[in-house]
Amino acid sequence: MPHHTGQAGTAGAHRCTGGTNRRVTLDVEVDAWRTKLIEAAPTTASRRATKVLRKPKTTQPPAASQITPVSISAERVRQAFRRHKQQCPACRGEATARDGEPLPCRDGERLAVTFLRLLRQEPKRQAVREVFARERQRFDRHYTVAAPAKRKSQWAAVLPKVQDADTRRAQLPAGDAPTEARNVPLETLHPMRGNAN
């Protein structure tokens, strides 16, 4: 087919697009065309995408409300201090400054001070834990005794309303009963309500 330059029998010229089967005449020498093709090949290759490296999936940390605090104890701090002392060259006395003086380790010092502080506070902490445990047991005993009586008084408070609702539900409306509806249950399902009637 001839190219759209006004000679194809159409009114306006159209642009050539890929796959239109139109012949286009290029007025370029073969050597110049080959040179341009060779020069364009490396830039085209460098524009191609390389292998996609996926990011590793990391686990999502829990929300602050989901983190359960770990109680700090003297034993835990002592274990952390021991691990630190085994790994830290300054704590082992192997790290020295230029003048030969041993370097201090701030982390080891902080762990040692925390361990001694917690060791002094341990008797008070143990006493507080015992008080809380006794109070919890007292509360549980009181709750197990008071809960049935409270529940019984709550049922007694709402019993007149429940009985009123049961009697209203038992009354049939005037007129014909609907033929396609299910029957309304007339007996109570709760055992406390059944005993009170």
N, C-alpha and C. Protein backbone atom coordinates (compact mmCIF):
# COMPACT_ATOMS: atom_id res chain seq x y z
N MET A 1 0.85 -1.18 0.00
CA MET A 1 0.00 0.00 0.00
C MET A 1 0.88 1.22 0.00
N PRO A 2 0.50 2.23 -0.70
CA PRO A 2 1.32 3.45 -0.70
C PRO A 2 1.21 4.17 0.64
N HIS A 3 2.22 4.95 0.94
CA HIS A 3 2.26 5.71 2.18
C HIS A 3 1.27 6.86 2.12
N HIS A 4 0.76 7.28 3.27
CA HIS A 4 -0.20 8.38 3.32
C HIS A 4 0.53 9.71 3.11
N THR A 5 0.70 10.09 1.95
CA THR A 5 1.29 11.42 1.66
C THR A 5 0.38 12.18 0.72
N GLY A 6 -0.90 11.82 0.73
CA GLY A 6 -1.81 12.45 -0.20
C GLY A 6 -1.97 11.67 -1.47
N GLN A 7 -1.16 10.61 -1.65
CA GLN A 7 -1.22 9.82 -2.89
C GLN A 7 -2.02 8.54 -2.70
N ALA A 8 -2.51 8.28 -1.51
CA ALA A 8 -3.21 7.03 -1.25
C ALA A 8 -4.69 7.16 -1.49
N GLY A 9 -5.12 8.26 -1.96
CA GLY A 9 -6.52 8.44 -2.26
C GLY A 9 -7.33 8.89 -1.06
N THR A 10 -6.67 9.35 0.00
CA THR A 10 -7.41 9.85 1.17
C THR A 10 -7.15 11.34 1.29
N ALA A 11 -8.02 11.99 2.05
CA ALA A 11 -7.94 13.45 2.12
C ALA A 11 -6.76 13.92 2.95
N GLY A 12 -6.65 13.42 4.19
CA GLY A 12 -5.59 13.92 5.06
C GLY A 12 -4.49 12.89 5.25
N ALA A 13 -3.29 13.37 5.52
CA ALA A 13 -2.17 12.46 5.77
C ALA A 13 -2.27 11.92 7.20
N HIS A 14 -1.93 10.63 7.38
CA HIS A 14 -1.95 9.99 8.70
C HIS A 14 -0.54 9.60 9.08
N ARG A 15 -0.30 9.53 10.36
CA ARG A 15 1.00 9.06 10.82
C ARG A 15 1.09 7.55 10.71
N CYS A 16 2.26 7.05 10.42
CA CYS A 16 2.45 5.60 10.40
C CYS A 16 2.59 5.09 11.83
N THR A 17 1.96 4.01 12.13
CA THR A 17 2.10 3.37 13.44
C THR A 17 2.58 1.96 13.21
N GLY A 18 3.01 1.31 14.28
CA GLY A 18 3.50 -0.06 14.15
C GLY A 18 2.40 -1.00 13.69
N GLY A 19 2.70 -1.87 12.72
CA GLY A 19 1.75 -2.86 12.28
C GLY A 19 0.76 -2.36 11.25
N THR A 20 1.04 -1.24 10.55
CA THR A 20 0.09 -0.74 9.55
C THR A 20 0.41 -1.25 8.16
N ASN A 21 1.52 -1.99 8.03
CA ASN A 21 1.94 -2.52 6.73
C ASN A 21 2.12 -1.42 5.69
N ARG A 22 2.58 -0.30 6.07
CA ARG A 22 2.88 0.79 5.12
C ARG A 22 4.36 0.77 4.83
N ARG A 23 4.69 1.01 3.61
CA ARG A 23 6.09 1.08 3.22
C ARG A 23 6.59 2.50 3.43
N VAL A 24 7.78 2.58 4.03
CA VAL A 24 8.40 3.88 4.27
C VAL A 24 9.76 3.86 3.61
N THR A 25 10.06 4.86 2.86
CA THR A 25 11.35 4.95 2.19
C THR A 25 12.31 5.73 3.07
N LEU A 26 13.47 5.10 3.41
CA LEU A 26 14.49 5.76 4.21
C LEU A 26 15.64 6.12 3.28
N ASP A 27 15.98 7.36 3.28
CA ASP A 27 17.05 7.82 2.42
C ASP A 27 18.32 7.97 3.25
N VAL A 28 18.92 6.79 3.67
CA VAL A 28 20.13 6.78 4.49
C VAL A 28 21.08 5.77 3.88
N GLU A 29 22.35 6.09 3.91
CA GLU A 29 23.34 5.15 3.39
C GLU A 29 23.47 3.98 4.35
N VAL A 30 23.82 2.82 3.83
CA VAL A 30 23.89 1.60 4.62
C VAL A 30 24.96 1.72 5.70
N ASP A 31 26.11 2.29 5.38
CA ASP A 31 27.19 2.40 6.37
C ASP A 31 26.78 3.30 7.54
N ALA A 32 26.14 4.41 7.20
CA ALA A 32 25.70 5.33 8.26
C ALA A 32 24.61 4.67 9.11
N TRP A 33 23.71 3.93 8.45
CA TRP A 33 22.65 3.24 9.19
C TRP A 33 23.24 2.18 10.12
N ARG A 34 24.23 1.42 9.63
CA ARG A 34 24.88 0.38 10.42
C ARG A 34 25.62 1.00 11.61
N THR A 35 26.29 2.12 11.39
CA THR A 35 27.01 2.79 12.48
C THR A 35 26.04 3.24 13.56
N LYS A 36 24.93 3.85 13.17
CA LYS A 36 23.93 4.30 14.14
C LYS A 36 23.34 3.10 14.90
N LEU A 37 23.13 1.98 14.20
CA LEU A 37 22.58 0.79 14.84
C LEU A 37 23.54 0.23 15.87
N ILE A 38 24.84 0.17 15.54
CA ILE A 38 25.85 -0.35 16.47
C ILE A 38 25.98 0.56 17.68
N GLU A 39 25.93 1.88 17.45
CA GLU A 39 26.04 2.82 18.57
C GLU A 39 24.81 2.75 19.49
N ALA A 40 23.67 2.45 18.94
CA ALA A 40 22.45 2.42 19.74
C ALA A 40 22.30 1.12 20.54
N ALA A 41 22.97 0.05 20.11
CA ALA A 41 22.82 -1.25 20.78
C ALA A 41 23.26 -1.23 22.24
N PRO A 42 24.44 -0.67 22.60
CA PRO A 42 24.83 -0.68 24.02
C PRO A 42 23.88 0.13 24.91
N THR A 43 23.39 1.26 24.40
CA THR A 43 22.48 2.05 25.24
C THR A 43 21.16 1.33 25.43
N THR A 44 20.72 0.61 24.44
CA THR A 44 19.48 -0.15 24.58
C THR A 44 19.66 -1.28 25.59
N ALA A 45 20.80 -1.96 25.53
CA ALA A 45 21.06 -3.06 26.46
C ALA A 45 21.16 -2.54 27.89
N SER A 46 21.74 -1.35 28.06
CA SER A 46 21.89 -0.83 29.42
C SER A 46 20.55 -0.37 29.98
N ARG A 47 19.56 -0.12 29.11
CA ARG A 47 18.25 0.31 29.59
C ARG A 47 17.38 -0.87 29.99
N ARG A 48 17.77 -2.06 29.64
CA ARG A 48 16.96 -3.22 29.99
C ARG A 48 17.07 -3.50 31.48
N ALA A 49 16.00 -3.95 32.07
CA ALA A 49 15.96 -4.20 33.51
C ALA A 49 16.85 -5.37 33.87
N THR A 50 17.51 -5.24 34.97
CA THR A 50 18.32 -6.34 35.47
C THR A 50 17.42 -7.28 36.28
N LYS A 51 18.03 -8.29 36.85
CA LYS A 51 17.26 -9.26 37.63
C LYS A 51 16.68 -8.55 38.85
N VAL A 52 15.42 -8.81 39.12
CA VAL A 52 14.75 -8.18 40.25
C VAL A 52 15.14 -8.90 41.53
N LEU A 53 15.66 -8.14 42.48
CA LEU A 53 16.03 -8.70 43.78
C LEU A 53 14.93 -8.33 44.78
N ARG A 54 14.24 -9.32 45.25
CA ARG A 54 13.14 -9.08 46.18
C ARG A 54 13.67 -8.72 47.56
N LYS A 55 12.95 -7.82 48.20
CA LYS A 55 13.32 -7.47 49.57
C LYS A 55 12.91 -8.62 50.49
N PRO A 56 13.71 -8.92 51.48
CA PRO A 56 13.31 -9.99 52.40
C PRO A 56 12.11 -9.55 53.23
N LYS A 57 11.22 -10.48 53.45
CA LYS A 57 10.03 -10.19 54.25
C LYS A 57 10.43 -10.15 55.73
N THR A 58 10.10 -9.07 56.37
CA THR A 58 10.39 -8.95 57.79
C THR A 58 9.09 -9.13 58.56
N THR A 59 9.22 -9.72 59.71
CA THR A 59 8.03 -9.90 60.54
C THR A 59 7.64 -8.56 61.14
N GLN A 60 6.35 -8.33 61.23
CA GLN A 60 5.87 -7.08 61.76
C GLN A 60 5.94 -7.11 63.28
N PRO A 61 6.55 -6.10 63.89
CA PRO A 61 6.63 -6.12 65.35
C PRO A 61 5.26 -5.93 65.96
N PRO A 62 5.06 -6.45 67.15
CA PRO A 62 3.74 -6.29 67.78
C PRO A 62 3.49 -4.84 68.17
N ALA A 63 2.22 -4.50 68.29
CA ALA A 63 1.86 -3.15 68.71
C ALA A 63 2.24 -2.96 70.17
N ALA A 64 2.33 -1.70 70.58
CA ALA A 64 2.73 -1.41 71.95
C ALA A 64 1.75 -2.00 72.96
N SER A 65 0.47 -2.08 72.58
CA SER A 65 -0.51 -2.64 73.50
C SER A 65 -0.41 -4.16 73.59
N GLN A 66 0.28 -4.80 72.65
CA GLN A 66 0.42 -6.26 72.66
C GLN A 66 1.68 -6.73 73.36
N ILE A 67 2.57 -5.81 73.70
CA ILE A 67 3.83 -6.19 74.34
C ILE A 67 3.57 -6.38 75.82
N THR A 68 3.97 -7.53 76.32
CA THR A 68 3.83 -7.78 77.75
C THR A 68 5.16 -7.45 78.42
N PRO A 69 5.14 -6.57 79.40
CA PRO A 69 6.40 -6.20 80.05
C PRO A 69 6.97 -7.35 80.86
N VAL A 70 8.26 -7.48 80.83
CA VAL A 70 8.94 -8.52 81.60
C VAL A 70 9.43 -7.88 82.88
N SER A 71 9.10 -8.49 84.00
CA SER A 71 9.54 -7.92 85.26
C SER A 71 11.05 -8.06 85.37
N ILE A 72 11.67 -6.97 85.78
CA ILE A 72 13.13 -6.97 85.89
C ILE A 72 13.49 -7.53 87.26
N SER A 73 14.43 -8.42 87.29
CA SER A 73 14.85 -9.01 88.56
C SER A 73 16.37 -8.98 88.63
N ALA A 74 16.87 -9.13 89.84
CA ALA A 74 18.32 -9.09 90.03
C ALA A 74 18.98 -10.25 89.29
N GLU A 75 18.32 -11.39 89.24
CA GLU A 75 18.91 -12.56 88.57
C GLU A 75 19.04 -12.33 87.07
N ARG A 76 18.04 -11.71 86.46
CA ARG A 76 18.11 -11.42 85.02
C ARG A 76 19.23 -10.45 84.71
N VAL A 77 19.35 -9.41 85.54
CA VAL A 77 20.41 -8.42 85.31
C VAL A 77 21.78 -9.05 85.53
N ARG A 78 21.89 -9.94 86.52
CA ARG A 78 23.17 -10.62 86.75
C ARG A 78 23.56 -11.46 85.55
N GLN A 79 22.58 -12.18 84.96
CA GLN A 79 22.89 -12.99 83.77
C GLN A 79 23.30 -12.10 82.60
N ALA A 80 22.60 -10.97 82.42
CA ALA A 80 22.97 -10.04 81.34
C ALA A 80 24.36 -9.47 81.57
N PHE A 81 24.69 -9.17 82.83
CA PHE A 81 26.02 -8.64 83.16
C PHE A 81 27.10 -9.67 82.87
N ARG A 82 26.83 -10.94 83.19
CA ARG A 82 27.81 -12.01 82.90
C ARG A 82 28.04 -12.15 81.40
N ARG A 83 26.94 -12.16 80.62
CA ARG A 83 27.10 -12.27 79.16
C ARG A 83 27.89 -11.09 78.61
N HIS A 84 27.57 -9.90 79.12
CA HIS A 84 28.28 -8.70 78.65
C HIS A 84 29.76 -8.79 79.00
N LYS A 85 30.06 -9.24 80.21
CA LYS A 85 31.45 -9.30 80.67
C LYS A 85 32.26 -10.30 79.83
N GLN A 86 31.60 -11.38 79.38
CA GLN A 86 32.31 -12.37 78.55
C GLN A 86 32.60 -11.82 77.16
N GLN A 87 31.76 -10.93 76.65
CA GLN A 87 31.91 -10.44 75.28
C GLN A 87 32.66 -9.11 75.20
N CYS A 88 32.67 -8.32 76.25
CA CYS A 88 33.23 -6.97 76.20
C CYS A 88 34.72 -6.99 76.52
N PRO A 89 35.58 -6.52 75.59
CA PRO A 89 37.02 -6.50 75.89
C PRO A 89 37.39 -5.51 76.98
N ALA A 90 36.63 -4.42 77.12
CA ALA A 90 36.93 -3.44 78.17
C ALA A 90 36.66 -4.02 79.54
N CYS A 91 35.59 -4.80 79.68
CA CYS A 91 35.28 -5.42 80.97
C CYS A 91 36.28 -6.51 81.33
N ARG A 92 36.83 -7.17 80.34
CA ARG A 92 37.83 -8.21 80.60
C ARG A 92 39.21 -7.61 80.85
N GLY A 93 39.37 -6.29 80.63
CA GLY A 93 40.66 -5.64 80.86
C GLY A 93 41.58 -5.70 79.66
N GLU A 94 41.07 -6.10 78.48
CA GLU A 94 41.90 -6.22 77.29
C GLU A 94 41.95 -4.94 76.48
N ALA A 95 40.98 -4.04 76.64
CA ALA A 95 40.94 -2.80 75.88
C ALA A 95 41.69 -1.72 76.65
N THR A 96 42.69 -1.13 75.98
CA THR A 96 43.47 -0.07 76.63
C THR A 96 43.52 1.14 75.73
N ALA A 97 43.77 2.29 76.34
CA ALA A 97 43.91 3.53 75.58
C ALA A 97 45.32 3.60 75.01
N ARG A 98 45.66 4.69 74.32
CA ARG A 98 47.00 4.83 73.72
C ARG A 98 48.10 4.87 74.76
N ASP A 99 47.77 5.42 75.91
CA ASP A 99 48.80 5.53 76.94
C ASP A 99 48.90 4.27 77.81
N GLY A 100 48.11 3.24 77.49
CA GLY A 100 48.18 1.97 78.22
C GLY A 100 47.18 1.85 79.36
N GLU A 101 46.41 2.91 79.61
CA GLU A 101 45.40 2.86 80.66
C GLU A 101 44.23 1.98 80.22
N PRO A 102 43.66 1.17 81.11
CA PRO A 102 42.49 0.37 80.72
C PRO A 102 41.27 1.28 80.48
N LEU A 103 40.50 0.94 79.45
CA LEU A 103 39.31 1.72 79.11
C LEU A 103 38.14 1.30 79.98
N PRO A 104 37.36 2.25 80.47
CA PRO A 104 36.18 1.88 81.26
C PRO A 104 35.03 1.47 80.32
N CYS A 105 34.16 0.64 80.81
CA CYS A 105 33.00 0.21 80.04
C CYS A 105 31.75 0.75 80.73
N ARG A 106 31.09 1.69 80.07
CA ARG A 106 29.90 2.32 80.66
C ARG A 106 28.74 1.33 80.78
N ASP A 107 28.59 0.45 79.78
CA ASP A 107 27.49 -0.53 79.83
C ASP A 107 27.67 -1.51 80.97
N GLY A 108 28.90 -2.01 81.15
CA GLY A 108 29.17 -2.93 82.25
C GLY A 108 28.95 -2.28 83.60
N GLU A 109 29.38 -1.01 83.70
CA GLU A 109 29.19 -0.28 84.95
C GLU A 109 27.69 -0.09 85.25
N ARG A 110 26.92 0.25 84.21
CA ARG A 110 25.48 0.46 84.38
C ARG A 110 24.80 -0.84 84.81
N LEU A 111 25.20 -1.97 84.19
CA LEU A 111 24.60 -3.25 84.56
C LEU A 111 24.97 -3.65 86.00
N ALA A 112 26.21 -3.38 86.41
CA ALA A 112 26.63 -3.73 87.77
C ALA A 112 25.87 -2.89 88.80
N VAL A 113 25.71 -1.60 88.52
CA VAL A 113 24.98 -0.73 89.45
C VAL A 113 23.52 -1.16 89.54
N THR A 114 22.92 -1.50 88.39
CA THR A 114 21.53 -1.95 88.39
C THR A 114 21.37 -3.25 89.16
N PHE A 115 22.32 -4.17 89.00
CA PHE A 115 22.26 -5.44 89.72
C PHE A 115 22.32 -5.21 91.23
N LEU A 116 23.24 -4.35 91.70
CA LEU A 116 23.36 -4.08 93.13
C LEU A 116 22.11 -3.39 93.67
N ARG A 117 21.55 -2.46 92.90
CA ARG A 117 20.33 -1.77 93.33
C ARG A 117 19.17 -2.76 93.46
N LEU A 118 19.00 -3.63 92.46
CA LEU A 118 17.91 -4.61 92.52
C LEU A 118 18.12 -5.62 93.63
N LEU A 119 19.37 -5.95 93.90
CA LEU A 119 19.67 -6.89 94.98
C LEU A 119 19.27 -6.29 96.33
N ARG A 120 19.51 -4.98 96.51
CA ARG A 120 19.09 -4.31 97.74
C ARG A 120 17.57 -4.21 97.84
N GLN A 121 16.90 -4.02 96.69
CA GLN A 121 15.45 -3.82 96.69
C GLN A 121 14.66 -5.13 96.70
N GLU A 122 15.33 -6.26 96.52
CA GLU A 122 14.63 -7.54 96.39
C GLU A 122 13.74 -7.88 97.59
N PRO A 123 14.18 -7.67 98.84
CA PRO A 123 13.28 -7.99 99.97
C PRO A 123 11.99 -7.16 99.93
N LYS A 124 12.10 -5.86 99.59
CA LYS A 124 10.89 -5.02 99.50
C LYS A 124 9.98 -5.50 98.38
N ARG A 125 10.57 -5.82 97.24
CA ARG A 125 9.77 -6.29 96.11
C ARG A 125 9.06 -7.60 96.45
N GLN A 126 9.74 -8.50 97.15
CA GLN A 126 9.14 -9.77 97.53
C GLN A 126 7.97 -9.53 98.49
N ALA A 127 8.14 -8.59 99.42
CA ALA A 127 7.06 -8.29 100.37
C ALA A 127 5.85 -7.71 99.63
N VAL A 128 6.09 -6.83 98.66
CA VAL A 128 4.99 -6.25 97.89
C VAL A 128 4.28 -7.34 97.08
N ARG A 129 5.04 -8.26 96.50
CA ARG A 129 4.43 -9.35 95.74
C ARG A 129 3.56 -10.23 96.64
N GLU A 130 4.02 -10.48 97.86
CA GLU A 130 3.23 -11.29 98.78
C GLU A 130 1.94 -10.57 99.19
N VAL A 131 2.02 -9.25 99.40
CA VAL A 131 0.82 -8.48 99.75
C VAL A 131 -0.18 -8.54 98.61
N PHE A 132 0.30 -8.35 97.40
CA PHE A 132 -0.60 -8.41 96.23
C PHE A 132 -1.22 -9.79 96.08
N ALA A 133 -0.45 -10.84 96.32
CA ALA A 133 -0.98 -12.21 96.21
C ALA A 133 -2.06 -12.45 97.27
N ARG A 134 -1.81 -11.98 98.51
CA ARG A 134 -2.82 -12.14 99.57
C ARG A 134 -4.10 -11.37 99.24
N GLU A 135 -3.94 -10.13 98.73
CA GLU A 135 -5.11 -9.32 98.39
C GLU A 135 -5.90 -9.96 97.24
N ARG A 136 -5.18 -10.54 96.30
CA ARG A 136 -5.85 -11.20 95.18
C ARG A 136 -6.66 -12.40 95.67
N GLN A 137 -6.07 -13.18 96.56
CA GLN A 137 -6.79 -14.34 97.11
C GLN A 137 -8.01 -13.89 97.90
N ARG A 138 -7.86 -12.81 98.70
CA ARG A 138 -8.99 -12.29 99.48
C ARG A 138 -10.10 -11.80 98.55
N PHE A 139 -9.71 -11.10 97.48
CA PHE A 139 -10.70 -10.61 96.52
C PHE A 139 -11.42 -11.77 95.85
N ASP A 140 -10.68 -12.81 95.46
CA ASP A 140 -11.29 -13.97 94.81
C ASP A 140 -12.28 -14.67 95.74
N ARG A 141 -11.89 -14.82 97.03
CA ARG A 141 -12.80 -15.45 97.99
C ARG A 141 -14.07 -14.61 98.16
N HIS A 142 -13.90 -13.31 98.29
CA HIS A 142 -15.04 -12.41 98.46
C HIS A 142 -15.94 -12.45 97.22
N TYR A 143 -15.35 -12.49 96.05
CA TYR A 143 -16.13 -12.48 94.80
C TYR A 143 -16.93 -13.78 94.66
N THR A 144 -16.31 -14.91 94.99
CA THR A 144 -17.03 -16.17 94.84
C THR A 144 -18.19 -16.27 95.82
N VAL A 145 -18.08 -15.62 96.98
CA VAL A 145 -19.18 -15.62 97.94
C VAL A 145 -20.26 -14.63 97.51
N ALA A 146 -19.86 -13.45 97.04
CA ALA A 146 -20.82 -12.38 96.75
C ALA A 146 -21.48 -12.51 95.38
N ALA A 147 -20.87 -13.21 94.45
CA ALA A 147 -21.40 -13.26 93.09
C ALA A 147 -22.78 -13.89 93.01
N PRO A 148 -23.04 -15.05 93.63
CA PRO A 148 -24.39 -15.62 93.52
C PRO A 148 -25.47 -14.72 94.14
N ALA A 149 -25.16 -14.10 95.29
CA ALA A 149 -26.15 -13.23 95.91
C ALA A 149 -26.41 -12.01 95.03
N LYS A 150 -25.38 -11.48 94.43
CA LYS A 150 -25.54 -10.32 93.55
C LYS A 150 -26.38 -10.70 92.32
N ARG A 151 -26.07 -11.86 91.75
CA ARG A 151 -26.82 -12.32 90.59
C ARG A 151 -28.29 -12.53 90.94
N LYS A 152 -28.55 -13.09 92.14
CA LYS A 152 -29.93 -13.32 92.56
C LYS A 152 -30.67 -12.00 92.74
N SER A 153 -29.99 -10.99 93.30
CA SER A 153 -30.64 -9.68 93.49
C SER A 153 -30.88 -8.99 92.15
N GLN A 154 -29.97 -9.19 91.20
CA GLN A 154 -30.17 -8.59 89.86
C GLN A 154 -31.38 -9.22 89.18
N TRP A 155 -31.51 -10.56 89.30
CA TRP A 155 -32.69 -11.22 88.70
C TRP A 155 -33.97 -10.77 89.38
N ALA A 156 -33.92 -10.58 90.71
CA ALA A 156 -35.11 -10.13 91.44
C ALA A 156 -35.51 -8.72 91.01
N ALA A 157 -34.52 -7.88 90.65
CA ALA A 157 -34.83 -6.51 90.23
C ALA A 157 -35.54 -6.48 88.89
N VAL A 158 -35.20 -7.38 87.98
CA VAL A 158 -35.80 -7.34 86.64
C VAL A 158 -36.95 -8.33 86.48
N LEU A 159 -37.22 -9.12 87.52
CA LEU A 159 -38.26 -10.15 87.41
C LEU A 159 -39.65 -9.58 87.08
N PRO A 160 -40.10 -8.47 87.68
CA PRO A 160 -41.43 -7.96 87.31
C PRO A 160 -41.54 -7.60 85.83
N LYS A 161 -40.51 -7.00 85.29
CA LYS A 161 -40.52 -6.63 83.86
C LYS A 161 -40.56 -7.87 82.98
N VAL A 162 -39.80 -8.88 83.38
CA VAL A 162 -39.76 -10.13 82.60
C VAL A 162 -41.13 -10.81 82.64
N GLN A 163 -41.74 -10.86 83.81
CA GLN A 163 -43.07 -11.48 83.91
C GLN A 163 -44.10 -10.70 83.10
N ASP A 164 -44.01 -9.38 83.13
CA ASP A 164 -44.92 -8.55 82.34
C ASP A 164 -44.75 -8.84 80.85
N ALA A 165 -43.51 -8.95 80.40
CA ALA A 165 -43.26 -9.25 78.99
C ALA A 165 -43.78 -10.64 78.63
N ASP A 166 -43.63 -11.61 79.54
CA ASP A 166 -44.14 -12.96 79.28
C ASP A 166 -45.66 -12.97 79.16
N THR A 167 -46.34 -12.24 80.03
CA THR A 167 -47.81 -12.22 79.94
C THR A 167 -48.28 -11.51 78.68
N ARG A 168 -47.61 -10.45 78.28
CA ARG A 168 -47.99 -9.77 77.03
C ARG A 168 -47.77 -10.68 75.82
N ARG A 169 -46.68 -11.43 75.86
CA ARG A 169 -46.37 -12.31 74.74
C ARG A 169 -47.38 -13.46 74.67
N ALA A 170 -47.91 -13.88 75.83
CA ALA A 170 -48.86 -14.98 75.86
C ALA A 170 -50.23 -14.58 75.35
N GLN A 171 -50.55 -13.30 75.39
CA GLN A 171 -51.86 -12.84 74.92
C GLN A 171 -51.89 -12.86 73.40
N LEU A 172 -52.96 -13.39 72.85
CA LEU A 172 -53.11 -13.43 71.39
C LEU A 172 -53.85 -12.18 70.94
N PRO A 173 -53.45 -11.60 69.84
CA PRO A 173 -54.16 -10.41 69.36
C PRO A 173 -55.54 -10.77 68.85
N ALA A 174 -56.44 -9.79 68.85
CA ALA A 174 -57.80 -10.03 68.34
C ALA A 174 -57.74 -10.20 66.83
N GLY A 175 -58.57 -11.06 66.32
CA GLY A 175 -58.61 -11.28 64.88
C GLY A 175 -58.03 -12.63 64.52
N ASP A 176 -57.96 -12.88 63.23
CA ASP A 176 -57.42 -14.15 62.75
C ASP A 176 -55.92 -14.21 62.95
N ALA A 177 -55.44 -15.39 63.26
CA ALA A 177 -54.00 -15.60 63.40
C ALA A 177 -53.39 -15.72 62.01
N PRO A 178 -52.20 -15.24 61.81
CA PRO A 178 -51.56 -15.39 60.50
C PRO A 178 -51.35 -16.86 60.18
N THR A 179 -51.57 -17.23 58.94
CA THR A 179 -51.48 -18.64 58.55
C THR A 179 -50.06 -19.06 58.19
N GLU A 180 -49.23 -18.14 57.73
CA GLU A 180 -47.91 -18.53 57.27
C GLU A 180 -46.81 -18.29 58.29
N ALA A 181 -47.11 -17.68 59.41
CA ALA A 181 -46.07 -17.37 60.40
C ALA A 181 -45.86 -18.56 61.33
N ARG A 182 -44.71 -18.59 61.95
CA ARG A 182 -44.42 -19.64 62.94
C ARG A 182 -45.15 -19.33 64.24
N ASN A 183 -45.38 -20.36 65.04
CA ASN A 183 -46.03 -20.18 66.34
C ASN A 183 -45.09 -19.47 67.30
N VAL A 184 -45.62 -18.65 68.16
CA VAL A 184 -44.84 -17.96 69.18
C VAL A 184 -44.71 -18.89 70.37
N PRO A 185 -43.48 -19.09 70.93
CA PRO A 185 -43.35 -19.95 72.10
C PRO A 185 -44.01 -19.29 73.31
N LEU A 186 -44.79 -20.06 74.03
CA LEU A 186 -45.53 -19.51 75.16
C LEU A 186 -44.89 -19.86 76.50
N GLU A 187 -43.96 -20.81 76.54
CA GLU A 187 -43.33 -21.14 77.81
C GLU A 187 -41.99 -20.41 77.89
N THR A 188 -41.53 -20.15 79.12
CA THR A 188 -40.25 -19.44 79.30
C THR A 188 -39.11 -20.44 79.15
N LEU A 189 -38.00 -19.93 78.69
CA LEU A 189 -36.85 -20.79 78.46
C LEU A 189 -35.84 -20.71 79.61
N HIS A 190 -35.92 -19.67 80.42
CA HIS A 190 -34.95 -19.51 81.50
C HIS A 190 -35.45 -20.21 82.75
N PRO A 191 -34.62 -21.00 83.44
CA PRO A 191 -35.11 -21.75 84.61
C PRO A 191 -35.52 -20.85 85.78
N MET A 192 -34.85 -19.72 85.98
CA MET A 192 -35.21 -18.84 87.10
C MET A 192 -36.60 -18.27 86.88
N ARG A 193 -36.92 -17.90 85.67
CA ARG A 193 -38.22 -17.33 85.36
C ARG A 193 -39.31 -18.39 85.52
N GLY A 194 -39.00 -19.61 85.15
CA GLY A 194 -39.98 -20.69 85.23
C GLY A 194 -40.31 -21.02 86.68
N ASN A 195 -39.30 -20.92 87.58
CA ASN A 195 -39.55 -21.22 88.99
C ASN A 195 -40.36 -20.12 89.68
N ALA A 196 -40.20 -18.86 89.20
CA ALA A 196 -40.87 -17.75 89.86
C ALA A 196 -42.36 -17.74 89.56
N ASN A 197 -42.81 -18.31 88.41
CA ASN A 197 -44.24 -18.27 88.05
C ASN A 197 -45.02 -19.12 88.95
